[in-house]
Amino acid sequence: MAGRKQFDVEEALERSMRVFWERGYADTSLDLLGSATGLGRGSLYGTFGSKDALFRTCLDRYAAAYGARYEQALAAHSGEPVRAIEAFFAVTLDRIADRSAPDGCLLAQSASQSATLDADSQRLIRAHLGAQRERVRGALASAPGVGGAELDDLALYVVAVNQSLAVLSRAGTPLAELPAVARIACATVADRLTRAAAPTAS
């Protein structure tokens, strides 16, 4: 049929996402994307628009896939904030341990290259990191005695540790060392929640 695309768009997106994940935005050329997808520049532009537009579509794809895993992990321990955060970190550690996936995190890597991105891509990265923070905040909100500012601080802390795990893995830190980071972070969260729930001395 005339005008019908002769390739799998979803597969092309998946392969493009992996290139951005492995190489970073700045070092991902149209030639690399073409080699990974088997598409010429005309097909890439015609289907996805510019490199920036394709990058943002890949960011959305990545965030949706891992965001769903985070949500499931947090929801599995509703009302148990520390257990929920343990499960949250477990998603990241499982991804790092998956040798079929590139090292690190596409969001973390892209955030570190913000200077090379256009304004729309920068905003999208902030939005996805913000959504991650809101997920964590929602899981922590069931803890008694925790106020808004404390929730904001703890959620930001958890997201910061989560992103640091990705950076450490990308830098070659042995996988066996990373769970200790998550354990200490969970102990810190538990301590802060306990302190918040303790009655204030009169």
N, C-alpha and C. Protein backbone atom coordinates (compact mmCIF):
# COMPACT_ATOMS: atom_id res chain seq x y z
N MET A 1 0.85 -1.19 0.00
CA MET A 1 0.00 0.00 0.00
C MET A 1 0.88 1.23 0.00
N ALA A 2 0.59 2.20 -0.87
CA ALA A 2 1.39 3.41 -0.97
C ALA A 2 1.39 4.17 0.34
N GLY A 3 2.57 4.68 0.70
CA GLY A 3 2.68 5.50 1.91
C GLY A 3 2.83 4.70 3.19
N ARG A 4 2.74 3.39 3.14
CA ARG A 4 2.84 2.57 4.34
C ARG A 4 4.30 2.40 4.75
N LYS A 5 4.60 2.62 6.03
CA LYS A 5 5.97 2.45 6.52
C LYS A 5 6.36 0.98 6.47
N GLN A 6 7.57 0.72 5.96
CA GLN A 6 8.04 -0.63 5.80
C GLN A 6 9.00 -1.03 6.93
N PHE A 7 8.75 -0.54 8.12
CA PHE A 7 9.58 -0.92 9.26
C PHE A 7 8.75 -0.82 10.52
N ASP A 8 9.25 -1.44 11.57
CA ASP A 8 8.57 -1.45 12.86
C ASP A 8 8.97 -0.23 13.66
N VAL A 9 8.04 0.70 13.84
CA VAL A 9 8.34 1.95 14.52
C VAL A 9 8.75 1.70 15.96
N GLU A 10 8.06 0.77 16.64
CA GLU A 10 8.39 0.49 18.04
C GLU A 10 9.81 -0.06 18.17
N GLU A 11 10.19 -0.94 17.26
CA GLU A 11 11.54 -1.49 17.30
C GLU A 11 12.57 -0.41 17.01
N ALA A 12 12.26 0.47 16.08
CA ALA A 12 13.18 1.57 15.78
C ALA A 12 13.34 2.49 16.99
N LEU A 13 12.25 2.74 17.70
CA LEU A 13 12.34 3.56 18.91
C LEU A 13 13.17 2.88 19.99
N GLU A 14 12.95 1.59 20.16
CA GLU A 14 13.71 0.85 21.18
C GLU A 14 15.20 0.89 20.87
N ARG A 15 15.55 0.70 19.63
CA ARG A 15 16.96 0.72 19.25
C ARG A 15 17.55 2.12 19.38
N SER A 16 16.77 3.12 19.04
CA SER A 16 17.23 4.50 19.18
C SER A 16 17.45 4.85 20.64
N MET A 17 16.53 4.41 21.50
CA MET A 17 16.65 4.67 22.93
C MET A 17 17.95 4.07 23.47
N ARG A 18 18.27 2.87 23.04
CA ARG A 18 19.49 2.23 23.52
C ARG A 18 20.74 2.98 23.08
N VAL A 19 20.71 3.53 21.88
CA VAL A 19 21.86 4.31 21.42
C VAL A 19 22.04 5.56 22.29
N PHE A 20 20.95 6.28 22.52
CA PHE A 20 21.04 7.46 23.39
C PHE A 20 21.50 7.07 24.80
N TRP A 21 21.01 5.94 25.28
CA TRP A 21 21.35 5.45 26.62
C TRP A 21 22.83 5.08 26.70
N GLU A 22 23.32 4.42 25.68
CA GLU A 22 24.73 3.98 25.68
C GLU A 22 25.69 5.13 25.40
N ARG A 23 25.34 5.99 24.47
CA ARG A 23 26.30 7.00 24.01
C ARG A 23 26.06 8.39 24.58
N GLY A 24 24.84 8.66 25.02
CA GLY A 24 24.51 10.02 25.44
C GLY A 24 24.07 10.84 24.25
N TYR A 25 23.32 11.91 24.52
CA TYR A 25 22.79 12.72 23.43
C TYR A 25 23.89 13.30 22.55
N ALA A 26 24.90 13.88 23.19
CA ALA A 26 25.92 14.61 22.44
C ALA A 26 26.68 13.71 21.47
N ASP A 27 26.93 12.46 21.85
CA ASP A 27 27.72 11.55 21.02
C ASP A 27 26.86 10.64 20.15
N THR A 28 25.57 10.90 20.12
CA THR A 28 24.67 10.12 19.26
C THR A 28 24.43 10.90 17.98
N SER A 29 24.96 10.39 16.90
CA SER A 29 24.78 11.04 15.60
C SER A 29 23.65 10.39 14.82
N LEU A 30 23.21 11.06 13.79
CA LEU A 30 22.19 10.46 12.93
C LEU A 30 22.72 9.21 12.24
N ASP A 31 24.02 9.18 11.96
CA ASP A 31 24.60 7.99 11.36
C ASP A 31 24.52 6.80 12.31
N LEU A 32 24.79 7.04 13.61
CA LEU A 32 24.68 5.97 14.60
C LEU A 32 23.24 5.49 14.72
N LEU A 33 22.32 6.44 14.75
CA LEU A 33 20.91 6.07 14.84
C LEU A 33 20.48 5.28 13.60
N GLY A 34 20.99 5.70 12.45
CA GLY A 34 20.66 4.99 11.22
C GLY A 34 21.21 3.57 11.22
N SER A 35 22.44 3.42 11.71
CA SER A 35 23.04 2.08 11.77
C SER A 35 22.27 1.17 12.73
N ALA A 36 21.82 1.75 13.85
CA ALA A 36 21.11 0.95 14.85
C ALA A 36 19.72 0.54 14.37
N THR A 37 19.06 1.42 13.64
CA THR A 37 17.68 1.17 13.23
C THR A 37 17.56 0.63 11.81
N GLY A 38 18.62 0.78 11.03
CA GLY A 38 18.53 0.38 9.63
C GLY A 38 17.79 1.39 8.77
N LEU A 39 17.59 2.60 9.31
CA LEU A 39 16.83 3.61 8.58
C LEU A 39 17.76 4.71 8.07
N GLY A 40 17.41 5.25 6.92
CA GLY A 40 18.13 6.39 6.39
C GLY A 40 17.66 7.68 7.05
N ARG A 41 18.38 8.74 6.81
CA ARG A 41 18.02 10.02 7.42
C ARG A 41 16.61 10.45 7.05
N GLY A 42 16.25 10.19 5.79
CA GLY A 42 14.92 10.59 5.36
C GLY A 42 13.83 9.90 6.16
N SER A 43 14.00 8.61 6.40
CA SER A 43 13.01 7.86 7.18
C SER A 43 12.99 8.31 8.64
N LEU A 44 14.19 8.57 9.20
CA LEU A 44 14.27 9.04 10.58
C LEU A 44 13.55 10.37 10.74
N TYR A 45 13.87 11.30 9.84
CA TYR A 45 13.23 12.61 9.92
C TYR A 45 11.74 12.53 9.64
N GLY A 46 11.39 11.73 8.63
CA GLY A 46 9.99 11.63 8.25
C GLY A 46 9.12 11.01 9.33
N THR A 47 9.69 10.09 10.10
CA THR A 47 8.91 9.40 11.12
C THR A 47 8.97 10.08 12.47
N PHE A 48 10.16 10.52 12.86
CA PHE A 48 10.35 11.02 14.22
C PHE A 48 10.62 12.52 14.30
N GLY A 49 10.85 13.16 13.17
CA GLY A 49 11.20 14.58 13.21
C GLY A 49 12.70 14.74 13.40
N SER A 50 13.08 15.73 14.14
CA SER A 50 14.49 16.03 14.36
C SER A 50 15.13 15.06 15.35
N LYS A 51 16.44 15.14 15.47
CA LYS A 51 17.15 14.35 16.49
C LYS A 51 16.62 14.69 17.88
N ASP A 52 16.36 15.98 18.13
CA ASP A 52 15.84 16.39 19.44
C ASP A 52 14.47 15.77 19.70
N ALA A 53 13.63 15.77 18.69
CA ALA A 53 12.29 15.19 18.86
C ALA A 53 12.37 13.69 19.12
N LEU A 54 13.26 13.00 18.40
CA LEU A 54 13.44 11.57 18.61
C LEU A 54 13.98 11.31 20.02
N PHE A 55 14.92 12.13 20.45
CA PHE A 55 15.48 12.00 21.80
C PHE A 55 14.39 12.13 22.85
N ARG A 56 13.52 13.11 22.70
CA ARG A 56 12.44 13.30 23.68
C ARG A 56 11.46 12.12 23.67
N THR A 57 11.19 11.58 22.50
CA THR A 57 10.32 10.40 22.43
C THR A 57 10.97 9.22 23.15
N CYS A 58 12.28 9.09 23.01
CA CYS A 58 13.00 8.01 23.70
C CYS A 58 13.00 8.24 25.21
N LEU A 59 13.15 9.48 25.63
CA LEU A 59 13.08 9.79 27.06
C LEU A 59 11.72 9.39 27.63
N ASP A 60 10.67 9.73 26.90
CA ASP A 60 9.31 9.38 27.35
C ASP A 60 9.15 7.86 27.42
N ARG A 61 9.69 7.17 26.44
CA ARG A 61 9.59 5.71 26.40
C ARG A 61 10.31 5.10 27.60
N TYR A 62 11.50 5.58 27.88
CA TYR A 62 12.29 5.09 29.01
C TYR A 62 11.57 5.38 30.33
N ALA A 63 11.12 6.61 30.49
CA ALA A 63 10.46 7.00 31.74
C ALA A 63 9.17 6.22 31.96
N ALA A 64 8.44 5.94 30.90
CA ALA A 64 7.20 5.18 31.04
C ALA A 64 7.48 3.74 31.46
N ALA A 65 8.50 3.14 30.86
CA ALA A 65 8.81 1.74 31.16
C ALA A 65 9.28 1.58 32.60
N TYR A 66 10.24 2.39 33.02
CA TYR A 66 10.77 2.25 34.37
C TYR A 66 9.86 2.91 35.40
N GLY A 67 9.14 3.94 34.99
CA GLY A 67 8.17 4.55 35.90
C GLY A 67 7.12 3.57 36.33
N ALA A 68 6.67 2.73 35.41
CA ALA A 68 5.67 1.72 35.74
C ALA A 68 6.23 0.72 36.74
N ARG A 69 7.48 0.37 36.60
CA ARG A 69 8.11 -0.57 37.54
C ARG A 69 8.22 0.05 38.93
N TYR A 70 8.60 1.32 38.97
CA TYR A 70 8.69 2.01 40.26
C TYR A 70 7.32 2.08 40.93
N GLU A 71 6.31 2.42 40.15
CA GLU A 71 4.97 2.53 40.71
C GLU A 71 4.49 1.20 41.28
N GLN A 72 4.74 0.12 40.57
CA GLN A 72 4.34 -1.20 41.05
C GLN A 72 5.07 -1.56 42.33
N ALA A 73 6.36 -1.24 42.40
CA ALA A 73 7.15 -1.55 43.58
C ALA A 73 6.65 -0.76 44.79
N LEU A 74 6.38 0.50 44.60
CA LEU A 74 5.89 1.34 45.70
C LEU A 74 4.49 0.91 46.13
N ALA A 75 3.63 0.62 45.16
CA ALA A 75 2.25 0.23 45.48
C ALA A 75 2.19 -1.10 46.20
N ALA A 76 3.17 -1.96 45.98
CA ALA A 76 3.18 -3.28 46.63
C ALA A 76 3.37 -3.19 48.13
N HIS A 77 3.82 -2.01 48.60
CA HIS A 77 4.05 -1.80 50.03
C HIS A 77 3.34 -0.54 50.52
N SER A 78 2.11 -0.40 50.06
CA SER A 78 1.31 0.76 50.47
C SER A 78 1.16 0.79 51.99
N GLY A 79 1.40 1.93 52.57
CA GLY A 79 1.30 2.07 54.02
C GLY A 79 2.54 1.63 54.77
N GLU A 80 3.55 1.15 54.05
CA GLU A 80 4.84 0.76 54.64
C GLU A 80 5.94 1.56 53.95
N PRO A 81 6.14 2.80 54.34
CA PRO A 81 7.03 3.68 53.58
C PRO A 81 8.46 3.18 53.43
N VAL A 82 9.04 2.62 54.49
CA VAL A 82 10.43 2.17 54.37
C VAL A 82 10.53 0.97 53.45
N ARG A 83 9.59 0.01 53.59
CA ARG A 83 9.56 -1.14 52.68
C ARG A 83 9.36 -0.67 51.24
N ALA A 84 8.54 0.34 51.06
CA ALA A 84 8.30 0.86 49.72
C ALA A 84 9.58 1.43 49.11
N ILE A 85 10.35 2.15 49.91
CA ILE A 85 11.59 2.73 49.40
C ILE A 85 12.61 1.63 49.11
N GLU A 86 12.63 0.60 49.94
CA GLU A 86 13.50 -0.56 49.66
C GLU A 86 13.15 -1.17 48.30
N ALA A 87 11.86 -1.32 48.04
CA ALA A 87 11.41 -1.89 46.77
C ALA A 87 11.74 -0.95 45.61
N PHE A 88 11.64 0.34 45.85
CA PHE A 88 11.98 1.35 44.85
C PHE A 88 13.43 1.20 44.42
N PHE A 89 14.34 1.13 45.40
CA PHE A 89 15.75 0.96 45.08
C PHE A 89 16.01 -0.38 44.41
N ALA A 90 15.24 -1.40 44.78
CA ALA A 90 15.43 -2.72 44.19
C ALA A 90 15.19 -2.69 42.68
N VAL A 91 14.26 -1.86 42.23
CA VAL A 91 14.01 -1.73 40.79
C VAL A 91 15.28 -1.23 40.09
N THR A 92 15.91 -0.22 40.68
CA THR A 92 17.13 0.33 40.10
C THR A 92 18.26 -0.68 40.13
N LEU A 93 18.42 -1.37 41.25
CA LEU A 93 19.50 -2.36 41.35
C LEU A 93 19.28 -3.52 40.38
N ASP A 94 18.03 -3.90 40.18
CA ASP A 94 17.73 -4.96 39.21
C ASP A 94 18.07 -4.51 37.79
N ARG A 95 17.77 -3.25 37.49
CA ARG A 95 18.11 -2.73 36.16
C ARG A 95 19.62 -2.70 35.96
N ILE A 96 20.35 -2.29 36.99
CA ILE A 96 21.80 -2.23 36.89
C ILE A 96 22.38 -3.63 36.70
N ALA A 97 21.77 -4.62 37.37
CA ALA A 97 22.25 -6.00 37.28
C ALA A 97 21.90 -6.66 35.95
N ASP A 98 20.97 -6.07 35.21
CA ASP A 98 20.53 -6.64 33.95
C ASP A 98 21.58 -6.35 32.87
N ARG A 99 22.35 -7.37 32.51
CA ARG A 99 23.43 -7.17 31.53
C ARG A 99 22.91 -6.93 30.13
N SER A 100 21.62 -7.15 29.91
CA SER A 100 21.06 -6.88 28.58
C SER A 100 20.74 -5.40 28.40
N ALA A 101 20.77 -4.64 29.50
CA ALA A 101 20.48 -3.21 29.44
C ALA A 101 21.79 -2.42 29.53
N PRO A 102 21.85 -1.25 28.90
CA PRO A 102 23.05 -0.42 29.03
C PRO A 102 23.29 0.00 30.48
N ASP A 103 24.51 0.37 30.79
CA ASP A 103 24.84 0.82 32.14
C ASP A 103 24.17 2.16 32.43
N GLY A 104 23.95 2.40 33.73
CA GLY A 104 23.46 3.70 34.15
C GLY A 104 21.98 3.90 33.92
N CYS A 105 21.61 5.16 33.78
CA CYS A 105 20.21 5.58 33.63
C CYS A 105 20.14 6.64 32.55
N LEU A 106 19.24 6.49 31.62
CA LEU A 106 19.12 7.46 30.54
C LEU A 106 18.81 8.86 31.08
N LEU A 107 17.95 8.94 32.10
CA LEU A 107 17.62 10.26 32.65
C LEU A 107 18.82 10.89 33.33
N ALA A 108 19.54 10.10 34.14
CA ALA A 108 20.70 10.63 34.84
C ALA A 108 21.77 11.08 33.86
N GLN A 109 22.03 10.24 32.86
CA GLN A 109 23.03 10.59 31.87
C GLN A 109 22.63 11.84 31.09
N SER A 110 21.36 11.93 30.73
CA SER A 110 20.89 13.08 29.97
C SER A 110 20.94 14.35 30.80
N ALA A 111 20.61 14.23 32.09
CA ALA A 111 20.66 15.40 32.96
C ALA A 111 22.09 15.93 33.06
N SER A 112 23.06 15.03 33.07
CA SER A 112 24.46 15.46 33.17
C SER A 112 24.93 16.16 31.90
N GLN A 113 24.19 15.98 30.81
CA GLN A 113 24.54 16.60 29.54
C GLN A 113 23.59 17.74 29.19
N SER A 114 22.96 18.31 30.20
CA SER A 114 21.94 19.34 29.95
C SER A 114 22.43 20.49 29.08
N ALA A 115 23.70 20.81 29.22
CA ALA A 115 24.24 21.95 28.46
C ALA A 115 24.18 21.70 26.95
N THR A 116 24.12 20.44 26.54
CA THR A 116 24.09 20.12 25.10
C THR A 116 22.66 19.97 24.58
N LEU A 117 21.67 20.08 25.47
CA LEU A 117 20.27 19.85 25.08
C LEU A 117 19.53 21.14 24.84
N ASP A 118 18.48 21.05 24.03
CA ASP A 118 17.65 22.24 23.84
C ASP A 118 16.71 22.40 25.04
N ALA A 119 16.05 23.54 25.09
CA ALA A 119 15.23 23.88 26.27
C ALA A 119 14.10 22.88 26.49
N ASP A 120 13.49 22.39 25.41
CA ASP A 120 12.39 21.44 25.56
C ASP A 120 12.87 20.13 26.17
N SER A 121 14.04 19.68 25.77
CA SER A 121 14.59 18.44 26.32
C SER A 121 14.97 18.62 27.78
N GLN A 122 15.52 19.76 28.13
CA GLN A 122 15.86 20.05 29.52
C GLN A 122 14.61 20.03 30.39
N ARG A 123 13.55 20.65 29.90
CA ARG A 123 12.29 20.68 30.67
C ARG A 123 11.73 19.28 30.84
N LEU A 124 11.85 18.46 29.80
CA LEU A 124 11.30 17.11 29.87
C LEU A 124 12.06 16.27 30.91
N ILE A 125 13.36 16.40 30.95
CA ILE A 125 14.14 15.67 31.96
C ILE A 125 13.73 16.10 33.35
N ARG A 126 13.60 17.41 33.57
CA ARG A 126 13.17 17.89 34.89
C ARG A 126 11.78 17.36 35.24
N ALA A 127 10.92 17.29 34.25
CA ALA A 127 9.55 16.79 34.49
C ALA A 127 9.57 15.32 34.90
N HIS A 128 10.38 14.52 34.23
CA HIS A 128 10.44 13.09 34.56
C HIS A 128 11.08 12.87 35.94
N LEU A 129 12.10 13.62 36.26
CA LEU A 129 12.69 13.51 37.59
C LEU A 129 11.71 14.00 38.65
N GLY A 130 10.95 15.03 38.31
CA GLY A 130 9.92 15.52 39.23
C GLY A 130 8.84 14.48 39.46
N ALA A 131 8.47 13.76 38.42
CA ALA A 131 7.45 12.70 38.57
C ALA A 131 7.97 11.59 39.47
N GLN A 132 9.26 11.27 39.33
CA GLN A 132 9.86 10.26 40.20
C GLN A 132 9.81 10.74 41.66
N ARG A 133 10.11 11.99 41.87
CA ARG A 133 10.08 12.53 43.23
C ARG A 133 8.67 12.49 43.81
N GLU A 134 7.67 12.77 42.99
CA GLU A 134 6.29 12.74 43.48
C GLU A 134 5.85 11.32 43.82
N ARG A 135 6.30 10.34 43.04
CA ARG A 135 5.99 8.95 43.37
C ARG A 135 6.53 8.60 44.75
N VAL A 136 7.78 8.96 44.98
CA VAL A 136 8.41 8.65 46.27
C VAL A 136 7.71 9.40 47.39
N ARG A 137 7.39 10.64 47.15
CA ARG A 137 6.72 11.45 48.17
C ARG A 137 5.40 10.82 48.56
N GLY A 138 4.67 10.33 47.57
CA GLY A 138 3.39 9.70 47.85
C GLY A 138 3.54 8.46 48.71
N ALA A 139 4.61 7.70 48.49
CA ALA A 139 4.84 6.49 49.29
C ALA A 139 5.22 6.85 50.72
N LEU A 140 5.93 7.95 50.90
CA LEU A 140 6.36 8.37 52.23
C LEU A 140 5.24 9.05 53.02
N ALA A 141 4.24 9.54 52.31
CA ALA A 141 3.19 10.34 52.95
C ALA A 141 2.36 9.56 53.96
N SER A 142 2.41 8.22 53.89
CA SER A 142 1.63 7.43 54.84
C SER A 142 2.28 7.37 56.22
N ALA A 143 3.52 7.82 56.33
CA ALA A 143 4.21 7.80 57.62
C ALA A 143 3.58 8.83 58.55
N PRO A 144 3.30 8.46 59.80
CA PRO A 144 2.67 9.41 60.72
C PRO A 144 3.62 10.53 61.13
N GLY A 145 3.06 11.72 61.26
CA GLY A 145 3.81 12.84 61.80
C GLY A 145 4.78 13.52 60.85
N VAL A 146 4.75 13.15 59.58
CA VAL A 146 5.70 13.74 58.63
C VAL A 146 5.04 14.91 57.94
N GLY A 147 5.64 16.08 58.07
CA GLY A 147 5.08 17.28 57.46
C GLY A 147 5.49 17.46 56.02
N GLY A 148 4.93 18.48 55.39
CA GLY A 148 5.17 18.71 53.97
C GLY A 148 6.62 18.94 53.63
N ALA A 149 7.30 19.79 54.40
CA ALA A 149 8.71 20.09 54.12
C ALA A 149 9.57 18.85 54.29
N GLU A 150 9.28 18.05 55.32
CA GLU A 150 10.03 16.83 55.56
C GLU A 150 9.82 15.83 54.42
N LEU A 151 8.60 15.72 53.97
CA LEU A 151 8.31 14.84 52.84
C LEU A 151 9.07 15.28 51.58
N ASP A 152 9.06 16.57 51.35
CA ASP A 152 9.78 17.10 50.18
C ASP A 152 11.27 16.77 50.26
N ASP A 153 11.85 16.98 51.44
CA ASP A 153 13.29 16.74 51.62
C ASP A 153 13.63 15.26 51.45
N LEU A 154 12.83 14.40 52.07
CA LEU A 154 13.10 12.97 51.98
C LEU A 154 12.93 12.44 50.56
N ALA A 155 11.89 12.91 49.88
CA ALA A 155 11.66 12.46 48.50
C ALA A 155 12.82 12.88 47.61
N LEU A 156 13.30 14.10 47.79
CA LEU A 156 14.44 14.57 46.99
C LEU A 156 15.69 13.75 47.31
N TYR A 157 15.87 13.45 48.59
CA TYR A 157 17.02 12.64 49.00
C TYR A 157 16.99 11.25 48.35
N VAL A 158 15.83 10.60 48.38
CA VAL A 158 15.71 9.26 47.80
C VAL A 158 16.00 9.30 46.30
N VAL A 159 15.46 10.29 45.61
CA VAL A 159 15.70 10.40 44.17
C VAL A 159 17.18 10.67 43.90
N ALA A 160 17.81 11.50 44.74
CA ALA A 160 19.23 11.78 44.56
C ALA A 160 20.08 10.53 44.73
N VAL A 161 19.76 9.72 45.74
CA VAL A 161 20.50 8.47 45.94
C VAL A 161 20.24 7.53 44.77
N ASN A 162 19.00 7.47 44.32
CA ASN A 162 18.65 6.60 43.21
C ASN A 162 19.46 6.95 41.96
N GLN A 163 19.56 8.23 41.66
CA GLN A 163 20.34 8.66 40.50
C GLN A 163 21.83 8.40 40.71
N SER A 164 22.29 8.52 41.95
CA SER A 164 23.71 8.26 42.21
C SER A 164 24.06 6.80 41.98
N LEU A 165 23.12 5.90 42.25
CA LEU A 165 23.36 4.48 41.97
C LEU A 165 23.64 4.28 40.47
N ALA A 166 22.86 4.97 39.65
CA ALA A 166 23.06 4.85 38.20
C ALA A 166 24.41 5.42 37.79
N VAL A 167 24.77 6.55 38.37
CA VAL A 167 26.06 7.16 38.03
C VAL A 167 27.22 6.27 38.47
N LEU A 168 27.12 5.71 39.67
CA LEU A 168 28.17 4.82 40.16
C LEU A 168 28.32 3.59 39.28
N SER A 169 27.19 3.02 38.86
CA SER A 169 27.26 1.84 37.99
C SER A 169 27.89 2.20 36.65
N ARG A 170 27.55 3.35 36.14
CA ARG A 170 28.11 3.82 34.87
C ARG A 170 29.62 4.01 34.99
N ALA A 171 30.06 4.42 36.17
CA ALA A 171 31.49 4.66 36.39
C ALA A 171 32.26 3.38 36.69
N GLY A 172 31.57 2.25 36.74
CA GLY A 172 32.24 0.98 36.93
C GLY A 172 32.31 0.47 38.35
N THR A 173 31.55 1.08 39.26
CA THR A 173 31.51 0.56 40.62
C THR A 173 30.96 -0.86 40.60
N PRO A 174 31.61 -1.81 41.28
CA PRO A 174 31.12 -3.19 41.27
C PRO A 174 29.68 -3.29 41.76
N LEU A 175 28.90 -4.10 41.09
CA LEU A 175 27.48 -4.27 41.44
C LEU A 175 27.32 -4.68 42.90
N ALA A 176 28.23 -5.50 43.40
CA ALA A 176 28.11 -6.00 44.77
C ALA A 176 28.20 -4.90 45.82
N GLU A 177 28.77 -3.75 45.45
CA GLU A 177 28.93 -2.66 46.41
C GLU A 177 27.70 -1.74 46.47
N LEU A 178 26.88 -1.77 45.46
CA LEU A 178 25.78 -0.80 45.37
C LEU A 178 24.64 -1.04 46.36
N PRO A 179 24.27 -2.28 46.69
CA PRO A 179 23.19 -2.45 47.66
C PRO A 179 23.46 -1.79 49.00
N ALA A 180 24.73 -1.65 49.39
CA ALA A 180 25.04 -0.98 50.65
C ALA A 180 24.60 0.47 50.62
N VAL A 181 24.71 1.11 49.48
CA VAL A 181 24.26 2.50 49.35
C VAL A 181 22.76 2.58 49.59
N ALA A 182 22.02 1.65 48.97
CA ALA A 182 20.56 1.63 49.15
C ALA A 182 20.19 1.32 50.59
N ARG A 183 20.89 0.39 51.23
CA ARG A 183 20.58 0.03 52.62
C ARG A 183 20.79 1.21 53.56
N ILE A 184 21.88 1.91 53.38
CA ILE A 184 22.15 3.07 54.23
C ILE A 184 21.11 4.16 54.00
N ALA A 185 20.73 4.34 52.75
CA ALA A 185 19.70 5.34 52.43
C ALA A 185 18.37 4.97 53.09
N CYS A 186 18.01 3.69 53.04
CA CYS A 186 16.75 3.25 53.67
C CYS A 186 16.82 3.42 55.18
N ALA A 187 17.98 3.14 55.78
CA ALA A 187 18.14 3.33 57.22
C ALA A 187 18.00 4.80 57.58
N THR A 188 18.53 5.67 56.73
CA THR A 188 18.40 7.11 56.97
C THR A 188 16.95 7.55 56.89
N VAL A 189 16.23 7.05 55.89
CA VAL A 189 14.81 7.37 55.75
C VAL A 189 14.05 6.87 56.98
N ALA A 190 14.31 5.65 57.40
CA ALA A 190 13.63 5.09 58.57
C ALA A 190 13.89 5.93 59.81
N ASP A 191 15.13 6.36 59.99
CA ASP A 191 15.48 7.19 61.15
C ASP A 191 14.74 8.52 61.12
N ARG A 192 14.70 9.14 59.96
CA ARG A 192 14.01 10.44 59.85
C ARG A 192 12.52 10.29 60.11
N LEU A 193 11.93 9.21 59.60
CA LEU A 193 10.50 8.99 59.83
C LEU A 193 10.21 8.71 61.31
N THR A 194 11.09 7.96 61.94
CA THR A 194 10.93 7.68 63.38
C THR A 194 11.01 8.95 64.19
N ARG A 195 11.95 9.78 63.86
CA ARG A 195 12.11 11.06 64.58
C ARG A 195 10.89 11.95 64.38
N ALA A 196 10.36 11.94 63.14
CA ALA A 196 9.20 12.78 62.86
C ALA A 196 7.97 12.31 63.63
N ALA A 197 7.87 10.99 63.84
CA ALA A 197 6.70 10.44 64.52
C ALA A 197 6.80 10.54 66.04
N ALA A 198 8.03 10.76 66.55
CA ALA A 198 8.21 10.83 68.00
C ALA A 198 7.54 12.06 68.57
N PRO A 199 6.87 11.95 69.74
CA PRO A 199 6.23 13.12 70.34
C PRO A 199 7.27 14.16 70.76
N THR A 200 6.93 15.40 70.56
CA THR A 200 7.84 16.48 70.92
C THR A 200 7.80 16.68 72.43
N ALA A 201 8.99 16.74 73.02
CA ALA A 201 9.05 16.95 74.48
C ALA A 201 8.50 18.32 74.83
N SER A 202 7.69 18.36 75.86
CA SER A 202 7.09 19.64 76.28
C SER A 202 8.05 20.41 77.15
